[in-house]
Amino acid sequence: MRIPSWLAIVLLLAQFTGVGAQSVRGRVTDEASKAPAAGTDVQLLNADGSKAVSVLADDSGRFVVKAPRSGTYRVQFGRIGYASRITPATYLSDRQTYDIEIALQPSAVQVAAVVVKIEPRVRALEQVGYYSRKRVGQGHFIERSTIDQRMGAATSDIFQGITGVRLVSRGSARGSHVMLRAGITVSIRSPRYCPATVFIDGGPVNAPGEHFDFEAVHLTDIEAIEVYKGPSEVPPQYGGAEAACGVILIWRRVG
């Protein structure tokens, strides 16, 4: 049977050697560079295609793979970065050794696309622990992308729609008082709302129980806001359990 030339395989005449059993030995090289294809997986396949035994080619590209018994086998060669090769079926009789030389053709390996999602970070926010608190998952976080969508509105309007936050009209004055639902409730139907303690850039700007005028800070000056609606959510450095009415942290833009 004529062996296809594209396999670049040379099967030498079977010979009796000191290898000791029916086996296949040989050398694997790179078809382009002629360098040894070290680490090639050499598998001896049974007639049904199942693997009988396998070895790895050494640094010189050489290998010896011994068949468990006499029979018909094919040899398959595989290595990352190369097209797989497989020899025609050959019968290995007792104590017979076949010598093979094969050159593998380099082939690009297609891999699935890897999607890397990178969260844009503001260095100033990272330094004050904003992202660490966000990972914990307590509280509500408002970032610049959301603020940009509300530009032109009153600053207090940025809190509209947040669960546990109530906006109370200031009458003729622009904006609203921002009230948080504290951890204490009078009844299921009448939760307790009270003014939050507000921090700007880490420092408190109102006394507990007093309203803060959010319109004193323009939306264009704000980088991010954190809302903690009760003492169980408030980070320890901003009052923790002592912050009975919750805390709002405002971080201004740098530069």
Protein backbone atom coordinates (compact mmCIF):
# COMPACT_ATOMS: atom_id res chain seq x y z
CA MET A 1 0.00 0.00 0.00
CA ARG A 2 1.37 3.40 -1.01
CA ILE A 3 1.63 5.85 1.89
CA PRO A 4 0.28 9.37 1.16
CA SER A 5 3.15 11.81 0.66
CA TRP A 6 1.47 14.59 2.67
CA LEU A 7 1.99 12.56 5.82
CA ALA A 8 5.73 12.93 5.36
CA ILE A 9 6.17 9.51 6.95
CA VAL A 10 8.90 7.04 6.14
CA LEU A 11 8.15 3.51 7.32
CA LEU A 12 11.34 1.51 7.17
CA LEU A 13 11.36 -2.24 6.74
CA ALA A 14 10.43 -4.07 9.91
CA GLN A 15 13.44 -5.49 11.68
CA PHE A 16 14.16 -7.60 14.70
CA THR A 17 16.02 -5.57 17.27
CA GLY A 18 16.90 -5.52 20.95
CA VAL A 19 13.89 -3.36 21.85
CA GLY A 20 12.33 -6.55 23.19
CA ALA A 21 8.70 -6.46 21.97
CA GLN A 22 6.52 -5.40 19.07
CA SER A 23 7.06 -1.65 18.97
CA VAL A 24 7.35 1.54 16.94
CA ARG A 25 10.28 3.88 17.32
CA GLY A 26 11.37 6.96 15.48
CA ARG A 27 11.83 10.70 15.47
CA VAL A 28 9.45 13.65 15.08
CA THR A 29 10.57 16.97 13.60
CA ASP A 30 9.18 20.33 12.57
CA GLU A 31 8.49 20.21 8.82
CA ALA A 32 9.53 23.84 8.31
CA SER A 33 12.63 24.15 10.51
CA LYS A 34 13.62 20.46 10.66
CA ALA A 35 14.15 20.95 14.41
CA PRO A 36 13.07 18.19 16.85
CA ALA A 37 9.40 18.40 17.86
CA ALA A 38 10.06 17.64 21.52
CA GLY A 39 7.03 16.81 23.66
CA THR A 40 4.96 15.41 20.79
CA ASP A 41 2.28 13.03 22.06
CA VAL A 42 2.78 9.71 20.26
CA GLN A 43 -0.22 7.39 20.59
CA LEU A 44 -0.48 3.81 19.44
CA LEU A 45 -4.10 3.25 18.37
CA ASN A 46 -5.93 -0.06 18.26
CA ALA A 47 -7.82 -1.12 15.14
CA ASP A 48 -11.02 0.42 16.56
CA GLY A 49 -9.30 3.80 17.12
CA SER A 50 -8.98 3.50 20.87
CA LYS A 51 -5.67 4.33 22.52
CA ALA A 52 -3.49 1.35 23.36
CA VAL A 53 -0.52 3.25 24.79
CA SER A 54 1.18 6.62 24.45
CA VAL A 55 4.54 8.29 25.09
CA LEU A 56 6.07 11.75 24.68
CA ALA A 57 8.92 12.43 22.29
CA ASP A 58 12.12 13.44 24.10
CA ASP A 59 14.18 16.60 23.57
CA SER A 60 15.70 15.15 20.41
CA GLY A 61 12.25 14.28 19.06
CA ARG A 62 12.86 10.55 19.47
CA PHE A 63 10.42 8.04 20.92
CA VAL A 64 9.79 4.32 21.42
CA VAL A 65 6.23 3.09 21.93
CA LYS A 66 5.67 -0.59 22.70
CA ALA A 67 2.49 -2.39 21.69
CA PRO A 68 0.88 -4.53 24.40
CA ARG A 69 0.47 -7.44 21.96
CA SER A 70 0.71 -8.32 18.30
CA GLY A 71 -1.97 -6.77 16.13
CA THR A 72 -2.95 -4.00 13.74
CA TYR A 73 -2.15 -0.49 14.91
CA ARG A 74 -1.93 3.07 13.69
CA VAL A 75 0.30 5.76 15.19
CA GLN A 76 -1.06 9.23 15.89
CA PHE A 77 1.13 12.28 16.48
CA GLY A 78 -0.19 15.40 18.20
CA ARG A 79 1.41 18.57 19.50
CA ILE A 80 0.05 22.04 20.22
CA GLY A 81 0.81 24.33 17.30
CA TYR A 82 1.00 21.52 14.74
CA ALA A 83 -1.48 19.66 12.54
CA SER A 84 -2.17 16.17 13.86
CA ARG A 85 -0.79 13.23 11.85
CA ILE A 86 -1.79 9.58 11.77
CA THR A 87 -0.15 6.65 9.96
CA PRO A 88 -1.95 3.97 7.91
CA ALA A 89 -2.87 0.74 9.72
CA THR A 90 0.13 -1.56 10.12
CA TYR A 91 0.34 -5.06 11.56
CA LEU A 92 2.92 -5.47 14.33
CA SER A 93 3.95 -9.07 14.83
CA ASP A 94 5.75 -10.50 17.85
CA ARG A 95 9.14 -8.85 18.60
CA GLN A 96 8.91 -6.72 15.47
CA THR A 97 9.98 -3.07 15.43
CA TYR A 98 9.03 -0.41 12.91
CA ASP A 99 11.13 2.72 12.45
CA ILE A 100 9.26 5.92 11.59
CA GLU A 101 10.39 9.41 10.76
CA ILE A 102 7.68 12.03 10.60
CA ALA A 103 7.62 15.78 10.08
CA LEU A 104 4.75 17.75 11.61
CA GLN A 105 3.35 20.74 9.78
CA PRO A 106 3.02 23.92 11.92
CA SER A 107 -0.59 24.99 12.28
CA ALA A 108 -2.16 27.96 14.04
CA VAL A 109 -4.26 26.98 17.03
CA GLN A 110 -7.67 28.62 17.18
CA VAL A 111 -8.85 29.42 20.68
CA ALA A 112 -12.15 30.76 21.93
CA ALA A 113 -12.35 34.50 22.34
CA VAL A 114 -11.60 35.73 25.84
CA VAL A 115 -13.68 38.68 26.99
CA VAL A 116 -11.96 40.81 29.60
CA LYS A 117 -14.20 43.21 31.46
CA ILE A 118 -12.31 46.05 33.07
CA GLU A 119 -14.04 48.30 35.58
CA PRO A 120 -12.90 51.88 35.04
CA ARG A 121 -11.54 53.22 38.31
CA VAL A 122 -10.91 56.68 39.66
CA ARG A 123 -7.69 56.77 41.62
CA ALA A 124 -9.04 59.16 44.24
CA LEU A 125 -12.00 56.84 44.93
CA GLU A 126 -9.71 53.84 45.16
CA GLN A 127 -7.58 55.60 47.76
CA VAL A 128 -10.58 56.27 50.05
CA GLY A 129 -11.83 52.65 49.89
CA TYR A 130 -14.83 53.30 47.64
CA TYR A 131 -14.34 50.23 45.47
CA SER A 132 -13.62 47.97 48.44
CA ARG A 133 -16.93 48.97 50.04
CA LYS A 134 -18.72 48.50 46.73
CA ARG A 135 -17.45 44.91 46.51
CA VAL A 136 -18.92 44.17 49.93
CA GLY A 137 -22.34 44.91 48.46
CA GLN A 138 -23.90 46.93 51.28
CA GLY A 139 -25.30 50.35 50.51
CA HIS A 140 -26.21 52.03 47.23
CA PHE A 141 -23.53 53.48 44.94
CA ILE A 142 -24.02 56.33 42.46
CA GLU A 143 -21.18 56.92 40.01
CA ARG A 144 -20.26 59.57 37.51
CA SER A 145 -21.97 57.83 34.57
CA THR A 146 -25.33 58.04 36.38
CA ILE A 147 -24.74 61.61 37.52
CA ASP A 148 -24.01 62.70 33.94
CA GLN A 149 -27.45 61.49 32.87
CA ARG A 150 -29.13 63.71 35.47
CA MET A 151 -27.18 66.87 34.76
CA GLY A 152 -29.34 69.98 35.14
CA ALA A 153 -31.54 68.44 37.82
CA ALA A 154 -31.41 69.39 41.48
CA THR A 155 -28.66 67.58 43.35
CA SER A 156 -31.16 65.98 45.71
CA ASP A 157 -33.01 64.49 42.71
CA ILE A 158 -30.10 62.08 42.20
CA PHE A 159 -31.54 60.06 45.11
CA GLN A 160 -34.95 59.66 43.44
CA GLY A 161 -36.03 56.04 43.12
CA ILE A 162 -33.58 54.52 45.62
CA THR A 163 -35.34 52.06 47.92
CA GLY A 164 -35.41 53.34 51.49
CA VAL A 165 -34.91 56.98 50.49
CA ARG A 166 -37.64 59.62 50.68
CA LEU A 167 -37.47 63.12 49.23
CA VAL A 168 -39.42 65.76 51.14
CA SER A 169 -40.20 69.10 49.48
CA ARG A 170 -38.43 72.21 50.79
CA GLY A 171 -41.33 74.40 49.77
CA SER A 172 -40.24 77.28 47.57
CA ALA A 173 -36.57 76.39 47.83
CA ARG A 174 -34.93 74.34 45.07
CA GLY A 175 -34.46 70.66 45.74
CA SER A 176 -35.67 68.42 48.54
CA HIS A 177 -34.73 67.20 51.97
CA VAL A 178 -33.26 63.68 51.70
CA MET A 179 -34.63 61.30 54.33
CA LEU A 180 -33.43 57.74 54.91
CA ARG A 181 -35.36 54.84 56.34
CA ALA A 182 -33.49 54.02 59.52
CA GLY A 183 -33.06 50.59 61.08
CA ILE A 184 -35.84 51.32 63.60
CA THR A 185 -39.46 51.16 62.41
CA VAL A 186 -42.55 52.37 64.22
CA SER A 187 -44.66 49.79 62.40
CA ILE A 188 -44.61 47.83 59.16
CA ARG A 189 -46.83 50.48 57.56
CA SER A 190 -45.03 53.46 59.07
CA PRO A 191 -41.25 53.05 58.78
CA ARG A 192 -39.16 55.73 60.43
CA TYR A 193 -37.44 58.21 58.10
CA CYS A 194 -34.93 60.76 59.32
CA PRO A 195 -32.14 63.01 57.97
CA ALA A 196 -28.90 61.21 57.15
CA THR A 197 -25.52 62.23 58.47
CA VAL A 198 -23.66 63.55 55.43
CA PHE A 199 -19.92 63.33 54.81
CA ILE A 200 -18.12 65.21 52.02
CA ASP A 201 -14.70 63.86 51.13
CA GLY A 202 -14.66 61.93 54.40
CA GLY A 203 -15.61 64.78 56.76
CA PRO A 204 -19.06 65.29 58.38
CA VAL A 205 -20.95 68.42 57.27
CA ASN A 206 -24.11 68.26 59.40
CA ALA A 207 -25.02 67.31 62.93
CA PRO A 208 -27.04 64.10 63.51
CA GLY A 209 -30.74 64.78 62.98
CA GLU A 210 -30.17 68.00 61.00
CA HIS A 211 -31.02 68.40 57.33
CA PHE A 212 -28.19 69.01 54.90
CA ASP A 213 -28.70 71.32 51.93
CA PHE A 214 -27.65 69.07 49.04
CA GLU A 215 -28.04 71.94 46.60
CA ALA A 216 -24.92 73.45 48.14
CA VAL A 217 -22.98 70.82 46.15
CA HIS A 218 -23.44 70.97 42.37
CA LEU A 219 -23.74 67.73 40.41
CA THR A 220 -20.82 68.71 38.18
CA ASP A 221 -18.54 68.65 41.24
CA ILE A 222 -19.50 65.13 42.39
CA GLU A 223 -17.52 62.01 41.43
CA ALA A 224 -19.53 59.44 43.39
CA ILE A 225 -22.07 59.02 46.20
CA GLU A 226 -22.57 56.22 48.73
CA VAL A 227 -25.91 55.77 50.50
CA TYR A 228 -26.20 53.67 53.68
CA LYS A 229 -29.80 53.58 54.87
CA GLY A 230 -29.39 52.34 58.42
CA PRO A 231 -26.84 51.58 61.15
CA SER A 232 -26.47 47.96 60.05
CA GLU A 233 -25.12 49.12 56.66
CA VAL A 234 -22.91 52.03 57.71
CA PRO A 235 -19.14 51.34 57.58
CA PRO A 236 -17.54 51.54 61.05
CA GLN A 237 -15.33 54.53 60.16
CA TYR A 238 -18.46 56.58 59.39
CA GLY A 239 -20.36 55.86 62.58
CA GLY A 240 -21.42 52.25 62.27
CA ALA A 241 -24.20 51.42 64.72
CA GLU A 242 -24.06 54.98 66.09
CA ALA A 243 -25.35 56.37 62.79
CA ALA A 244 -28.98 55.76 63.66
CA CYS A 245 -30.41 57.55 60.61
CA GLY A 246 -27.90 56.25 58.09
CA VAL A 247 -25.10 57.97 56.21
CA ILE A 248 -24.57 59.57 52.80
CA LEU A 249 -20.98 59.90 51.57
CA ILE A 250 -20.27 62.45 48.81
CA TRP A 251 -16.96 62.32 46.98
CA ARG A 252 -16.05 65.37 44.94
CA ARG A 253 -14.15 65.30 41.68
CA VAL A 254 -10.42 65.90 41.88
CA GLY A 255 -9.01 68.57 39.55
